[in-house]
Amino acid sequence: MHEITLTEEQARIVSFALGPVPVRDPKGDLIGHIEPKLTPEVIAELKGRSRSPGPFFTGEQVQARLRALEEEWNRTGGFDEAYMDEFLARLDAADPGHVKSAEQAE
């Protein structure tokens, strides 16, 4: 039986994947998929990542922000990252109801 040993980086990518990881040959053709093995350690790490410091938004809030950004882009003819950050801060001030942490979301 043939065997391939992954590098540390490749093994880490597979370990923390939330689903099957496509495997491709050097030409980019799909060979198959690797299913990650969810060990207790990996599950704990993923749960820890999900509790990253907020803010957390509902799907409706995300969609509203994306629409507002698109409307502002069209209105102004485009903007840079600094303007976008300022614009999003104004949206956050106008809609402060977002959840501050993952614990509050539960």
C-alpha atoms as a PDB file:
ATOM      1  CA  MET A   1       0.000   0.000   0.000  1.00  0.00           C
ATOM      2  CA  HIS A   2       1.281   3.453  -0.877  1.00  0.00           C
ATOM      3  CA  GLU A   3       1.433   6.225   1.678  1.00  0.00           C
ATOM      4  CA  ILE A   4       1.989   9.988   1.695  1.00  0.00           C
ATOM      5  CA  THR A   5       3.126  11.851   4.800  1.00  0.00           C
ATOM      6  CA  LEU A   6       1.898  15.428   5.095  1.00  0.00           C
ATOM      7  CA  THR A   7       4.129  18.284   6.151  1.00  0.00           C
ATOM      8  CA  GLU A   8       3.411  19.968   9.501  1.00  0.00           C
ATOM      9  CA  GLU A   9       1.617  22.816   7.710  1.00  0.00           C
ATOM     10  CA  GLN A  10      -0.464  20.470   5.564  1.00  0.00           C
ATOM     11  CA  ALA A  11      -1.447  18.384   8.597  1.00  0.00           C
ATOM     12  CA  ARG A  12      -2.462  21.563  10.475  1.00  0.00           C
ATOM     13  CA  ILE A  13      -4.623  22.700   7.547  1.00  0.00           C
ATOM     14  CA  VAL A  14      -6.409  19.344   7.434  1.00  0.00           C
ATOM     15  CA  SER A  15      -6.752  19.141  11.233  1.00  0.00           C
ATOM     16  CA  PHE A  16      -8.494  22.507  11.529  1.00  0.00           C
ATOM     17  CA  ALA A  17     -10.619  22.245   8.388  1.00  0.00           C
ATOM     18  CA  LEU A  18     -14.360  22.375   8.936  1.00  0.00           C
ATOM     19  CA  GLY A  19     -14.983  19.947   6.097  1.00  0.00           C
ATOM     20  CA  PRO A  20     -13.277  17.875   3.436  1.00  0.00           C
ATOM     21  CA  VAL A  21      -9.999  19.294   2.097  1.00  0.00           C
ATOM     22  CA  PRO A  22      -9.498  18.958  -1.678  1.00  0.00           C
ATOM     23  CA  VAL A  23      -6.190  17.344  -2.712  1.00  0.00           C
ATOM     24  CA  ARG A  24      -4.768  18.327  -6.116  1.00  0.00           C
ATOM     25  CA  ASP A  25      -1.878  17.131  -8.237  1.00  0.00           C
ATOM     26  CA  PRO A  26       0.878  19.520  -9.426  1.00  0.00           C
ATOM     27  CA  LYS A  27      -1.265  20.479 -12.453  1.00  0.00           C
ATOM     28  CA  GLY A  28      -4.158  21.446 -10.191  1.00  0.00           C
ATOM     29  CA  ASP A  29      -6.339  18.473 -11.075  1.00  0.00           C
ATOM     30  CA  LEU A  30      -8.451  17.132  -8.223  1.00  0.00           C
ATOM     31  CA  ILE A  31      -7.211  13.782  -6.913  1.00  0.00           C
ATOM     32  CA  GLY A  32      -9.555  13.403  -3.962  1.00  0.00           C
ATOM     33  CA  HIS A  33     -10.456  14.766  -0.547  1.00  0.00           C
ATOM     34  CA  ILE A  34      -9.114  14.322   2.971  1.00  0.00           C
ATOM     35  CA  GLU A  35     -11.661  14.260   5.784  1.00  0.00           C
ATOM     36  CA  PRO A  36     -10.377  15.955   8.948  1.00  0.00           C
ATOM     37  CA  LYS A  37     -10.401  13.908  12.148  1.00  0.00           C
ATOM     38  CA  LEU A  38     -12.062  15.996  14.841  1.00  0.00           C
ATOM     39  CA  THR A  39     -10.186  15.125  18.012  1.00  0.00           C
ATOM     40  CA  PRO A  40     -11.158  16.614  21.389  1.00  0.00           C
ATOM     41  CA  GLU A  41      -8.123  18.918  21.118  1.00  0.00           C
ATOM     42  CA  VAL A  42      -9.180  20.219  17.695  1.00  0.00           C
ATOM     43  CA  ILE A  43     -12.757  20.724  18.891  1.00  0.00           C
ATOM     44  CA  ALA A  44     -11.501  22.699  21.911  1.00  0.00           C
ATOM     45  CA  GLU A  45      -9.316  24.863  19.640  1.00  0.00           C
ATOM     46  CA  LEU A  46     -12.206  25.558  17.275  1.00  0.00           C
ATOM     47  CA  LYS A  47     -14.492  26.463  20.184  1.00  0.00           C
ATOM     48  CA  GLY A  48     -11.801  28.806  21.498  1.00  0.00           C
ATOM     49  CA  ARG A  49     -11.568  30.513  18.129  1.00  0.00           C
ATOM     50  CA  SER A  50     -15.329  31.002  18.058  1.00  0.00           C
ATOM     51  CA  ARG A  51     -15.101  32.968  21.291  1.00  0.00           C
ATOM     52  CA  SER A  52     -12.845  35.611  19.833  1.00  0.00           C
ATOM     53  CA  PRO A  53     -13.544  39.150  21.012  1.00  0.00           C
ATOM     54  CA  GLY A  54     -16.650  40.664  19.344  1.00  0.00           C
ATOM     55  CA  PRO A  55     -18.406  42.363  17.806  1.00  0.00           C
ATOM     56  CA  PHE A  56     -20.812  39.757  16.494  1.00  0.00           C
ATOM     57  CA  PHE A  57     -23.612  40.621  14.092  1.00  0.00           C
ATOM     58  CA  THR A  58     -26.787  38.894  13.028  1.00  0.00           C
ATOM     59  CA  GLY A  59     -27.193  37.900   9.384  1.00  0.00           C
ATOM     60  CA  GLU A  60     -29.643  40.765   8.920  1.00  0.00           C
ATOM     61  CA  GLN A  61     -27.132  43.258  10.342  1.00  0.00           C
ATOM     62  CA  VAL A  62     -24.381  41.977   8.029  1.00  0.00           C
ATOM     63  CA  GLN A  63     -26.674  42.241   4.996  1.00  0.00           C
ATOM     64  CA  ALA A  64     -27.739  45.768   6.011  1.00  0.00           C
ATOM     65  CA  ARG A  65     -24.097  46.846   6.363  1.00  0.00           C
ATOM     66  CA  LEU A  66     -23.188  45.373   2.972  1.00  0.00           C
ATOM     67  CA  ARG A  67     -26.127  47.188   1.343  1.00  0.00           C
ATOM     68  CA  ALA A  68     -25.141  50.440   3.064  1.00  0.00           C
ATOM     69  CA  LEU A  69     -21.526  50.047   1.918  1.00  0.00           C
ATOM     70  CA  GLU A  70     -22.637  49.399  -1.656  1.00  0.00           C
ATOM     71  CA  GLU A  71     -24.964  52.419  -1.617  1.00  0.00           C
ATOM     72  CA  GLU A  72     -22.190  54.624  -0.207  1.00  0.00           C
ATOM     73  CA  TRP A  73     -19.736  53.313  -2.804  1.00  0.00           C
ATOM     74  CA  ASN A  74     -22.173  54.127  -5.590  1.00  0.00           C
ATOM     75  CA  ARG A  75     -22.976  57.540  -4.076  1.00  0.00           C
ATOM     76  CA  THR A  76     -19.338  58.588  -3.649  1.00  0.00           C
ATOM     77  CA  GLY A  77     -17.820  56.811  -6.635  1.00  0.00           C
ATOM     78  CA  GLY A  78     -15.618  54.664  -4.394  1.00  0.00           C
ATOM     79  CA  PHE A  79     -13.558  55.131  -1.239  1.00  0.00           C
ATOM     80  CA  ASP A  80     -10.434  53.940   0.549  1.00  0.00           C
ATOM     81  CA  GLU A  81     -10.131  51.670   3.582  1.00  0.00           C
ATOM     82  CA  ALA A  82      -9.911  54.582   6.045  1.00  0.00           C
ATOM     83  CA  TYR A  83     -13.217  55.994   4.768  1.00  0.00           C
ATOM     84  CA  MET A  84     -14.785  52.535   4.938  1.00  0.00           C
ATOM     85  CA  ASP A  85     -13.645  52.102   8.557  1.00  0.00           C
ATOM     86  CA  GLU A  86     -15.104  55.506   9.467  1.00  0.00           C
ATOM     87  CA  PHE A  87     -18.350  54.711   7.643  1.00  0.00           C
ATOM     88  CA  LEU A  88     -18.669  51.334   9.410  1.00  0.00           C
ATOM     89  CA  ALA A  89     -18.003  53.017  12.769  1.00  0.00           C
ATOM     90  CA  ARG A  90     -20.929  55.364  12.054  1.00  0.00           C
ATOM     91  CA  LEU A  91     -23.116  52.361  11.191  1.00  0.00           C
ATOM     92  CA  ASP A  92     -22.087  50.678  14.455  1.00  0.00           C
ATOM     93  CA  ALA A  93     -22.944  53.822  16.430  1.00  0.00           C
ATOM     94  CA  ALA A  94     -26.360  53.970  14.741  1.00  0.00           C
ATOM     95  CA  ASP A  95     -27.006  50.244  15.362  1.00  0.00           C
ATOM     96  CA  PRO A  96     -25.367  49.449  18.712  1.00  0.00           C
ATOM     97  CA  GLY A  97     -27.481  46.340  19.289  1.00  0.00           C
ATOM     98  CA  HIS A  98     -24.850  43.892  18.086  1.00  0.00           C
ATOM     99  CA  VAL A  99     -23.727  41.196  20.509  1.00  0.00           C
ATOM    100  CA  LYS A 100     -20.485  42.096  22.275  1.00  0.00           C
ATOM    101  CA  SER A 101     -19.143  38.560  22.763  1.00  0.00           C
ATOM    102  CA  ALA A 102     -19.803  34.945  21.886  1.00  0.00           C
ATOM    103  CA  GLU A 103     -20.864  34.248  25.474  1.00  0.00           C
ATOM    104  CA  GLN A 104     -23.626  36.861  25.188  1.00  0.00           C
ATOM    105  CA  ALA A 105     -24.733  35.310  21.901  1.00  0.00           C
ATOM    106  CA  GLU A 106     -25.444  31.930  23.535  1.00  0.00           C
END
